[in-house]
Amino acid sequence: MVVKWGRNGRFLACSNYPACKNTMNFTEDADGKIIPVQKPGKKAPVITDILCEKCGRPMAIREGRYGKFLACTGYPKCKNIKKYVEPKEDKG
């Protein structure tokens, strides 16, 4: 990613444009280090102790447009995903 200027100010853009059109906003800390900013409403993935059957890495709970799912943390090398079922709480 590289810093570019646009009509709305500075932003991060993919260095492989036009093949890749990925962009994102960023902030800078006191040392000038760039910190990417996630889109509003987008949640960070939650790492679980469930292991991927294909590569053995831990799976993460992610949220997509159809709900929550488990995805391998080895993405993009491993693209394994599974349906996520919420654990039921005991009322015992």
PDB file of N, CA and C in Angstrom:
ATOM      1  N   MET A   1       0.844  -1.169   0.000  1.00  0.00           N
ATOM      2  CA  MET A   1       0.000   0.000   0.000  1.00  0.00           C
ATOM      3  C   MET A   1       0.893   1.238   0.000  1.00  0.00           C
ATOM      4  N   VAL A   2       0.440   2.257  -0.699  1.00  0.00           N
ATOM      5  CA  VAL A   2       1.171   3.518  -0.774  1.00  0.00           C
ATOM      6  C   VAL A   2       0.226   4.661  -0.410  1.00  0.00           C
ATOM      7  N   VAL A   3       0.801   5.753   0.084  1.00  0.00           N
ATOM      8  CA  VAL A   3       0.007   6.929   0.439  1.00  0.00           C
ATOM      9  C   VAL A   3      -0.221   7.749  -0.818  1.00  0.00           C
ATOM     10  N   LYS A   4      -1.480   8.097  -1.077  1.00  0.00           N
ATOM     11  CA  LYS A   4      -1.823   8.916  -2.241  1.00  0.00           C
ATOM     12  C   LYS A   4      -2.683  10.081  -1.779  1.00  0.00           C
ATOM     13  N   TRP A   5      -2.789  11.102  -2.652  1.00  0.00           N
ATOM     14  CA  TRP A   5      -3.626  12.266  -2.382  1.00  0.00           C
ATOM     15  C   TRP A   5      -4.847  12.217  -3.269  1.00  0.00           C
ATOM     16  N   GLY A   6      -5.994  12.594  -2.708  1.00  0.00           N
ATOM     17  CA  GLY A   6      -7.232  12.672  -3.474  1.00  0.00           C
ATOM     18  C   GLY A   6      -7.994  13.921  -3.078  1.00  0.00           C
ATOM     19  N   ARG A   7      -9.187  14.088  -3.622  1.00  0.00           N
ATOM     20  CA  ARG A   7      -9.969  15.292  -3.314  1.00  0.00           C
ATOM     21  C   ARG A   7     -10.407  15.344  -1.847  1.00  0.00           C
ATOM     22  N   ASN A   8     -10.421  14.182  -1.178  1.00  0.00           N
ATOM     23  CA  ASN A   8     -10.796  14.142   0.233  1.00  0.00           C
ATOM     24  C   ASN A   8      -9.588  14.029   1.157  1.00  0.00           C
ATOM     25  N   GLY A   9      -8.398  14.213   0.656  1.00  0.00           N
ATOM     26  CA  GLY A   9      -7.197  14.146   1.475  1.00  0.00           C
ATOM     27  C   GLY A   9      -6.369  12.907   1.183  1.00  0.00           C
ATOM     28  N   ARG A  10      -5.486  12.560   2.105  1.00  0.00           N
ATOM     29  CA  ARG A  10      -4.581  11.427   1.918  1.00  0.00           C
ATOM     30  C   ARG A  10      -5.281  10.121   2.238  1.00  0.00           C
ATOM     31  N   PHE A  11      -4.866   9.047   1.540  1.00  0.00           N
ATOM     32  CA  PHE A  11      -5.419   7.721   1.771  1.00  0.00           C
ATOM     33  C   PHE A  11      -4.394   6.679   1.346  1.00  0.00           C
ATOM     34  N   LEU A  12      -4.607   5.436   1.782  1.00  0.00           N
ATOM     35  CA  LEU A  12      -3.749   4.330   1.371  1.00  0.00           C
ATOM     36  C   LEU A  12      -4.362   3.679   0.139  1.00  0.00           C
ATOM     37  N   ALA A  13      -3.541   3.391  -0.858  1.00  0.00           N
ATOM     38  CA  ALA A  13      -4.012   2.757  -2.076  1.00  0.00           C
ATOM     39  C   ALA A  13      -3.062   1.624  -2.453  1.00  0.00           C
ATOM     40  N   CYS A  14      -3.601   0.625  -3.125  1.00  0.00           N
ATOM     41  CA  CYS A  14      -2.799  -0.505  -3.568  1.00  0.00           C
ATOM     42  C   CYS A  14      -1.757  -0.031  -4.581  1.00  0.00           C
ATOM     43  N   SER A  15      -0.544  -0.512  -4.464  1.00  0.00           N
ATOM     44  CA  SER A  15       0.523  -0.100  -5.369  1.00  0.00           C
ATOM     45  C   SER A  15       0.422  -0.787  -6.727  1.00  0.00           C
ATOM     46  N   ASN A  16      -0.518  -1.727  -6.879  1.00  0.00           N
ATOM     47  CA  ASN A  16      -0.676  -2.462  -8.129  1.00  0.00           C
ATOM     48  C   ASN A  16      -1.869  -1.935  -8.939  1.00  0.00           C
ATOM     49  N   TYR A  17      -2.208  -0.648  -8.786  1.00  0.00           N
ATOM     50  CA  TYR A  17      -3.317  -0.058  -9.534  1.00  0.00           C
ATOM     51  C   TYR A  17      -2.988  -0.093 -11.023  1.00  0.00           C
ATOM     52  N   PRO A  18      -3.870  -0.390 -11.939  1.00  0.00           N
ATOM     53  CA  PRO A  18      -5.311  -0.572 -11.884  1.00  0.00           C
ATOM     54  C   PRO A  18      -5.752  -2.023 -11.663  1.00  0.00           C
ATOM     55  N   ALA A  19      -4.830  -2.972 -11.595  1.00  0.00           N
ATOM     56  CA  ALA A  19      -5.229  -4.366 -11.367  1.00  0.00           C
ATOM     57  C   ALA A  19      -5.865  -4.524  -9.989  1.00  0.00           C
ATOM     58  N   CYS A  20      -5.398  -3.781  -9.005  1.00  0.00           N
ATOM     59  CA  CYS A  20      -5.942  -3.821  -7.650  1.00  0.00           C
ATOM     60  C   CYS A  20      -6.412  -2.417  -7.288  1.00  0.00           C
ATOM     61  N   LYS A  21      -7.663  -2.294  -6.890  1.00  0.00           N
ATOM     62  CA  LYS A  21      -8.229  -0.977  -6.572  1.00  0.00           C
ATOM     63  C   LYS A  21      -8.572  -0.845  -5.093  1.00  0.00           C
ATOM     64  N   ASN A  22      -7.868  -1.588  -4.235  1.00  0.00           N
ATOM     65  CA  ASN A  22      -8.113  -1.553  -2.798  1.00  0.00           C
ATOM     66  C   ASN A  22      -7.610  -0.238  -2.210  1.00  0.00           C
ATOM     67  N   THR A  23      -8.451   0.413  -1.372  1.00  0.00           N
ATOM     68  CA  THR A  23      -8.060   1.646  -0.692  1.00  0.00           C
ATOM     69  C   THR A  23      -8.543   1.594   0.749  1.00  0.00           C
ATOM     70  N   MET A  24      -7.955   2.409   1.602  1.00  0.00           N
ATOM     71  CA  MET A  24      -8.420   2.542   2.987  1.00  0.00           C
ATOM     72  C   MET A  24      -7.886   3.829   3.581  1.00  0.00           C
ATOM     73  N   ASN A  25      -8.586   4.324   4.591  1.00  0.00           N
ATOM     74  CA  ASN A  25      -8.149   5.502   5.320  1.00  0.00           C
ATOM     75  C   ASN A  25      -7.083   5.099   6.326  1.00  0.00           C
ATOM     76  N   PHE A  26      -6.349   6.098   6.826  1.00  0.00           N
ATOM     77  CA  PHE A  26      -5.321   5.806   7.821  1.00  0.00           C
ATOM     78  C   PHE A  26      -5.141   7.000   8.738  1.00  0.00           C
ATOM     79  N   THR A  27      -4.485   6.760   9.866  1.00  0.00           N
ATOM     80  CA  THR A  27      -4.064   7.814  10.778  1.00  0.00           C
ATOM     81  C   THR A  27      -2.572   7.641  11.013  1.00  0.00           C
ATOM     82  N   GLU A  28      -1.946   8.657  11.585  1.00  0.00           N
ATOM     83  CA  GLU A  28      -0.518   8.579  11.900  1.00  0.00           C
ATOM     84  C   GLU A  28      -0.336   8.825  13.389  1.00  0.00           C
ATOM     85  N   ASP A  29       0.594   8.076  13.998  1.00  0.00           N
ATOM     86  CA  ASP A  29       0.896   8.313  15.407  1.00  0.00           C
ATOM     87  C   ASP A  29       1.944   9.421  15.520  1.00  0.00           C
ATOM     88  N   ALA A  30       2.412   9.689  16.722  1.00  0.00           N
ATOM     89  CA  ALA A  30       3.360  10.778  16.961  1.00  0.00           C
ATOM     90  C   ALA A  30       4.682  10.570  16.222  1.00  0.00           C
ATOM     91  N   ASP A  31       5.068   9.309  15.988  1.00  0.00           N
ATOM     92  CA  ASP A  31       6.318   9.017  15.291  1.00  0.00           C
ATOM     93  C   ASP A  31       6.168   9.039  13.775  1.00  0.00           C
ATOM     94  N   GLY A  32       4.950   9.249  13.277  1.00  0.00           N
ATOM     95  CA  GLY A  32       4.706   9.253  11.841  1.00  0.00           C
ATOM     96  C   GLY A  32       4.391   7.885  11.273  1.00  0.00           C
ATOM     97  N   LYS A  33       4.212   6.892  12.152  1.00  0.00           N
ATOM     98  CA  LYS A  33       3.886   5.540  11.707  1.00  0.00           C
ATOM     99  C   LYS A  33       2.432   5.493  11.237  1.00  0.00           C
ATOM    100  N   ILE A  34       2.186   4.854  10.093  1.00  0.00           N
ATOM    101  CA  ILE A  34       0.850   4.780   9.511  1.00  0.00           C
ATOM    102  C   ILE A  34       0.057   3.654  10.173  1.00  0.00           C
ATOM    103  N   ILE A  35      -1.173   3.984  10.612  1.00  0.00           N
ATOM    104  CA  ILE A  35      -2.072   3.024  11.239  1.00  0.00           C
ATOM    105  C   ILE A  35      -3.343   2.957  10.409  1.00  0.00           C
ATOM    106  N   PRO A  36      -3.613   1.829   9.701  1.00  0.00           N
ATOM    107  CA  PRO A  36      -4.833   1.720   8.895  1.00  0.00           C
ATOM    108  C   PRO A  36      -6.086   1.786   9.769  1.00  0.00           C
ATOM    109  N   VAL A  37      -7.138   2.393   9.250  1.00  0.00           N
ATOM    110  CA  VAL A  37      -8.401   2.531   9.962  1.00  0.00           C
ATOM    111  C   VAL A  37      -9.421   1.619   9.299  1.00  0.00           C
ATOM    112  N   GLN A  38     -10.093   0.760  10.112  1.00  0.00           N
ATOM    113  CA  GLN A  38     -11.109  -0.131   9.570  1.00  0.00           C
ATOM    114  C   GLN A  38     -12.370   0.656   9.260  1.00  0.00           C
ATOM    115  N   LYS A  39     -13.154   0.146   8.326  1.00  0.00           N
ATOM    116  CA  LYS A  39     -14.416   0.771   7.971  1.00  0.00           C
ATOM    117  C   LYS A  39     -15.362   0.711   9.161  1.00  0.00           C
ATOM    118  N   PRO A  40     -16.229   1.714   9.313  1.00  0.00           N
ATOM    119  CA  PRO A  40     -17.161   1.685  10.436  1.00  0.00           C
ATOM    120  C   PRO A  40     -18.072   0.469  10.363  1.00  0.00           C
ATOM    121  N   GLY A  41     -18.307  -0.140  11.519  1.00  0.00           N
ATOM    122  CA  GLY A  41     -19.176  -1.302  11.579  1.00  0.00           C
ATOM    123  C   GLY A  41     -18.466  -2.612  11.313  1.00  0.00           C
ATOM    124  N   LYS A  42     -17.243  -2.564  10.820  1.00  0.00           N
ATOM    125  CA  LYS A  42     -16.490  -3.790  10.551  1.00  0.00           C
ATOM    126  C   LYS A  42     -15.784  -4.216  11.825  1.00  0.00           C
ATOM    127  N   LYS A  43     -16.008  -5.467  12.233  1.00  0.00           N
ATOM    128  CA  LYS A  43     -15.432  -5.976  13.468  1.00  0.00           C
ATOM    129  C   LYS A  43     -14.162  -6.765  13.173  1.00  0.00           C
ATOM    130  N   ALA A  44     -13.234  -6.718  14.111  1.00  0.00           N
ATOM    131  CA  ALA A  44     -12.011  -7.503  13.992  1.00  0.00           C
ATOM    132  C   ALA A  44     -12.347  -8.981  14.222  1.00  0.00           C
ATOM    133  N   PRO A  45     -11.665  -9.895  13.529  1.00  0.00           N
ATOM    134  CA  PRO A  45     -11.955 -11.316  13.725  1.00  0.00           C
ATOM    135  C   PRO A  45     -11.560 -11.788  15.123  1.00  0.00           C
ATOM    136  N   VAL A  46     -12.285 -12.783  15.630  1.00  0.00           N
ATOM    137  CA  VAL A  46     -12.007 -13.364  16.942  1.00  0.00           C
ATOM    138  C   VAL A  46     -11.335 -14.718  16.721  1.00  0.00           C
ATOM    139  N   ILE A  47     -10.098 -14.865  17.176  1.00  0.00           N
ATOM    140  CA  ILE A  47      -9.348 -16.107  17.012  1.00  0.00           C
ATOM    141  C   ILE A  47      -9.898 -17.153  17.981  1.00  0.00           C
ATOM    142  N   THR A  48     -10.108 -18.387  17.479  1.00  0.00           N
ATOM    143  CA  THR A  48     -10.638 -19.470  18.311  1.00  0.00           C
ATOM    144  C   THR A  48      -9.570 -20.537  18.515  1.00  0.00           C
ATOM    145  N   ASP A  49      -9.885 -21.547  19.325  1.00  0.00           N
ATOM    146  CA  ASP A  49      -8.962 -22.673  19.513  1.00  0.00           C
ATOM    147  C   ASP A  49      -9.274 -23.814  18.538  1.00  0.00           C
ATOM    148  N   ILE A  50     -10.207 -23.610  17.625  1.00  0.00           N
ATOM    149  CA  ILE A  50     -10.545 -24.600  16.595  1.00  0.00           C
ATOM    150  C   ILE A  50      -9.465 -24.546  15.516  1.00  0.00           C
ATOM    151  N   LEU A  51      -8.924 -25.700  15.134  1.00  0.00           N
ATOM    152  CA  LEU A  51      -7.868 -25.752  14.136  1.00  0.00           C
ATOM    153  C   LEU A  51      -8.425 -26.066  12.755  1.00  0.00           C
ATOM    154  N   CYS A  52      -7.794 -25.518  11.738  1.00  0.00           N
ATOM    155  CA  CYS A  52      -8.166 -25.752  10.344  1.00  0.00           C
ATOM    156  C   CYS A  52      -7.813 -27.189   9.962  1.00  0.00           C
ATOM    157  N   GLU A  53      -8.745 -27.879   9.297  1.00  0.00           N
ATOM    158  CA  GLU A  53      -8.495 -29.265   8.876  1.00  0.00           C
ATOM    159  C   GLU A  53      -7.479 -29.344   7.739  1.00  0.00           C
ATOM    160  N   LYS A  54      -7.333 -28.277   6.970  1.00  0.00           N
ATOM    161  CA  LYS A  54      -6.446 -28.304   5.801  1.00  0.00           C
ATOM    162  C   LYS A  54      -4.994 -27.953   6.133  1.00  0.00           C
ATOM    163  N   CYS A  55      -4.791 -26.937   6.999  1.00  0.00           N
ATOM    164  CA  CYS A  55      -3.416 -26.497   7.242  1.00  0.00           C
ATOM    165  C   CYS A  55      -3.006 -26.510   8.713  1.00  0.00           C
ATOM    166  N   GLY A  56      -3.950 -26.672   9.645  1.00  0.00           N
ATOM    167  CA  GLY A  56      -3.623 -26.745  11.056  1.00  0.00           C
ATOM    168  C   GLY A  56      -3.542 -25.421  11.791  1.00  0.00           C
ATOM    169  N   ARG A  57      -3.755 -24.303  11.091  1.00  0.00           N
ATOM    170  CA  ARG A  57      -3.747 -23.001  11.749  1.00  0.00           C
ATOM    171  C   ARG A  57      -5.061 -22.788  12.491  1.00  0.00           C
ATOM    172  N   PRO A  58      -5.093 -21.849  13.445  1.00  0.00           N
ATOM    173  CA  PRO A  58      -6.356 -21.592  14.154  1.00  0.00           C
ATOM    174  C   PRO A  58      -7.383 -20.929  13.236  1.00  0.00           C
ATOM    175  N   MET A  59      -8.661 -21.180  13.534  1.00  0.00           N
ATOM    176  CA  MET A  59      -9.750 -20.570  12.781  1.00  0.00           C
ATOM    177  C   MET A  59     -10.188 -19.303  13.510  1.00  0.00           C
ATOM    178  N   ALA A  60     -10.740 -18.347  12.773  1.00  0.00           N
ATOM    179  CA  ALA A  60     -11.214 -17.091  13.338  1.00  0.00           C
ATOM    180  C   ALA A  60     -12.697 -16.928  13.028  1.00  0.00           C
ATOM    181  N   ILE A  61     -13.422 -16.327  13.961  1.00  0.00           N
ATOM    182  CA  ILE A  61     -14.830 -16.022  13.729  1.00  0.00           C
ATOM    183  C   ILE A  61     -14.884 -14.685  12.998  1.00  0.00           C
ATOM    184  N   ARG A  62     -15.465 -14.698  11.812  1.00  0.00           N
ATOM    185  CA  ARG A  62     -15.613 -13.491  11.001  1.00  0.00           C
ATOM    186  C   ARG A  62     -17.086 -13.260  10.736  1.00  0.00           C
ATOM    187  N   GLU A  63     -17.411 -12.066  10.316  1.00  0.00           N
ATOM    188  CA  GLU A  63     -18.801 -11.747  10.035  1.00  0.00           C
ATOM    189  C   GLU A  63     -18.926 -11.246   8.607  1.00  0.00           C
ATOM    190  N   GLY A  64     -19.812 -11.907   7.851  1.00  0.00           N
ATOM    191  CA  GLY A  64     -20.063 -11.530   6.471  1.00  0.00           C
ATOM    192  C   GLY A  64     -21.498 -11.078   6.295  1.00  0.00           C
ATOM    193  N   ARG A  65     -21.903 -10.879   5.069  1.00  0.00           N
ATOM    194  CA  ARG A  65     -23.264 -10.387   4.833  1.00  0.00           C
ATOM    195  C   ARG A  65     -24.329 -11.416   5.162  1.00  0.00           C
ATOM    196  N   TYR A  66     -23.956 -12.699   5.237  1.00  0.00           N
ATOM    197  CA  TYR A  66     -24.915 -13.748   5.582  1.00  0.00           C
ATOM    198  C   TYR A  66     -24.771 -14.225   7.018  1.00  0.00           C
ATOM    199  N   GLY A  67     -23.994 -13.536   7.830  1.00  0.00           N
ATOM    200  CA  GLY A  67     -23.822 -13.892   9.228  1.00  0.00           C
ATOM    201  C   GLY A  67     -22.402 -14.305   9.560  1.00  0.00           C
ATOM    202  N   LYS A  68     -22.240 -14.917  10.727  1.00  0.00           N
ATOM    203  CA  LYS A  68     -20.911 -15.315  11.199  1.00  0.00           C
ATOM    204  C   LYS A  68     -20.469 -16.623  10.551  1.00  0.00           C
ATOM    205  N   PHE A  69     -19.145 -16.756  10.361  1.00  0.00           N
ATOM    206  CA  PHE A  69     -18.564 -17.981   9.830  1.00  0.00           C
ATOM    207  C   PHE A  69     -17.147 -18.130  10.356  1.00  0.00           C
ATOM    208  N   LEU A  70     -16.607 -19.347  10.284  1.00  0.00           N
ATOM    209  CA  LEU A  70     -15.224 -19.614  10.682  1.00  0.00           C
ATOM    210  C   LEU A  70     -14.348 -19.576   9.443  1.00  0.00           C
ATOM    211  N   ALA A  71     -13.243 -18.863   9.514  1.00  0.00           N
ATOM    212  CA  ALA A  71     -12.316 -18.767   8.397  1.00  0.00           C
ATOM    213  C   ALA A  71     -10.906 -19.030   8.895  1.00  0.00           C
ATOM    214  N   CYS A  72     -10.109 -19.659   8.075  1.00  0.00           N
ATOM    215  CA  CYS A  72      -8.725 -19.968   8.433  1.00  0.00           C
ATOM    216  C   CYS A  72      -7.914 -18.680   8.521  1.00  0.00           C
ATOM    217  N   THR A  73      -7.042 -18.591   9.533  1.00  0.00           N
ATOM    218  CA  THR A  73      -6.184 -17.415   9.674  1.00  0.00           C
ATOM    219  C   THR A  73      -5.020 -17.446   8.683  1.00  0.00           C
ATOM    220  N   GLY A  74      -4.889 -18.521   7.930  1.00  0.00           N
ATOM    221  CA  GLY A  74      -3.842 -18.638   6.928  1.00  0.00           C
ATOM    222  C   GLY A  74      -4.227 -18.068   5.577  1.00  0.00           C
ATOM    223  N   TYR A  75      -5.357 -17.340   5.500  1.00  0.00           N
ATOM    224  CA  TYR A  75      -5.801 -16.736   4.238  1.00  0.00           C
ATOM    225  C   TYR A  75      -4.741 -15.762   3.760  1.00  0.00           C
ATOM    226  N   PRO A  76      -4.360 -15.693   2.520  1.00  0.00           N
ATOM    227  CA  PRO A  76      -4.937 -16.252   1.314  1.00  0.00           C
ATOM    228  C   PRO A  76      -4.364 -17.611   0.893  1.00  0.00           C
ATOM    229  N   LYS A  77      -3.338 -18.113   1.589  1.00  0.00           N
ATOM    230  CA  LYS A  77      -2.802 -19.425   1.210  1.00  0.00           C
ATOM    231  C   LYS A  77      -3.814 -20.531   1.448  1.00  0.00           C
ATOM    232  N   CYS A  78      -4.536 -20.474   2.557  1.00  0.00           N
ATOM    233  CA  CYS A  78      -5.565 -21.464   2.879  1.00  0.00           C
ATOM    234  C   CYS A  78      -6.915 -20.750   2.910  1.00  0.00           C
ATOM    235  N   LYS A  79      -7.848 -21.174   2.077  1.00  0.00           N
ATOM    236  CA  LYS A  79      -9.144 -20.516   1.969  1.00  0.00           C
ATOM    237  C   LYS A  79     -10.269 -21.334   2.585  1.00  0.00           C
ATOM    238  N   ASN A  80      -9.933 -22.145   3.588  1.00  0.00           N
ATOM    239  CA  ASN A  80     -10.922 -22.999   4.233  1.00  0.00           C
ATOM    240  C   ASN A  80     -11.890 -22.162   5.071  1.00  0.00           C
ATOM    241  N   ILE A  81     -13.198 -22.403   4.913  1.00  0.00           N
ATOM    242  CA  ILE A  81     -14.210 -21.763   5.734  1.00  0.00           C
ATOM    243  C   ILE A  81     -15.208 -22.809   6.195  1.00  0.00           C
ATOM    244  N   LYS A  82     -15.886 -22.536   7.314  1.00  0.00           N
ATOM    245  CA  LYS A  82     -16.892 -23.444   7.854  1.00  0.00           C
ATOM    246  C   LYS A  82     -18.044 -22.621   8.412  1.00  0.00           C
ATOM    247  N   LYS A  83     -19.202 -23.246   8.499  1.00  0.00           N
ATOM    248  CA  LYS A  83     -20.353 -22.609   9.106  1.00  0.00           C
ATOM    249  C   LYS A  83     -20.089 -22.464  10.603  1.00  0.00           C
ATOM    250  N   TYR A  84     -20.457 -21.326  11.165  1.00  0.00           N
ATOM    251  CA  TYR A  84     -20.287 -21.084  12.595  1.00  0.00           C
ATOM    252  C   TYR A  84     -21.617 -21.266  13.297  1.00  0.00           C
ATOM    253  N   VAL A  85     -21.624 -22.067  14.337  1.00  0.00           N
ATOM    254  CA  VAL A  85     -22.822 -22.300  15.153  1.00  0.00           C
ATOM    255  C   VAL A  85     -22.558 -21.716  16.527  1.00  0.00           C
ATOM    256  N   GLU A  86     -23.420 -20.811  16.973  1.00  0.00           N
ATOM    257  CA  GLU A  86     -23.268 -20.189  18.289  1.00  0.00           C
ATOM    258  C   GLU A  86     -23.354 -21.254  19.366  1.00  0.00           C
ATOM    259  N   PRO A  87     -22.443 -21.260  20.354  1.00  0.00           N
ATOM    260  CA  PRO A  87     -22.538 -22.224  21.448  1.00  0.00           C
ATOM    261  C   PRO A  87     -23.745 -21.925  22.326  1.00  0.00           C
ATOM    262  N   LYS A  88     -24.425 -22.983  22.752  1.00  0.00           N
ATOM    263  CA  LYS A  88     -25.599 -22.812  23.618  1.00  0.00           C
ATOM    264  C   LYS A  88     -25.147 -22.716  25.060  1.00  0.00           C
ATOM    265  N   GLU A  89     -25.789 -21.829  25.814  1.00  0.00           N
ATOM    266  CA  GLU A  89     -25.456 -21.654  27.226  1.00  0.00           C
ATOM    267  C   GLU A  89     -26.314 -22.589  28.072  1.00  0.00           C
ATOM    268  N   ASP A  90     -25.683 -23.181  29.087  1.00  0.00           N
ATOM    269  CA  ASP A  90     -26.428 -24.024  30.031  1.00  0.00           C
ATOM    270  C   ASP A  90     -27.176 -23.144  31.020  1.00  0.00           C
ATOM    271  N   LYS A  91     -28.414 -23.479  31.267  1.00  0.00           N
ATOM    272  CA  LYS A  91     -29.212 -22.739  32.246  1.00  0.00           C
ATOM    273  C   LYS A  91     -29.355 -23.543  33.527  1.00  0.00           C
ATOM    274  N   GLY A  92     -28.430 -24.527  33.743  1.00  0.00           N
ATOM    275  CA  GLY A  92     -28.483 -25.477  34.824  1.00  0.00           C
ATOM    276  C   GLY A  92     -28.308 -24.906  36.154  1.00  0.00           C
TER     277      GLY A  92
END
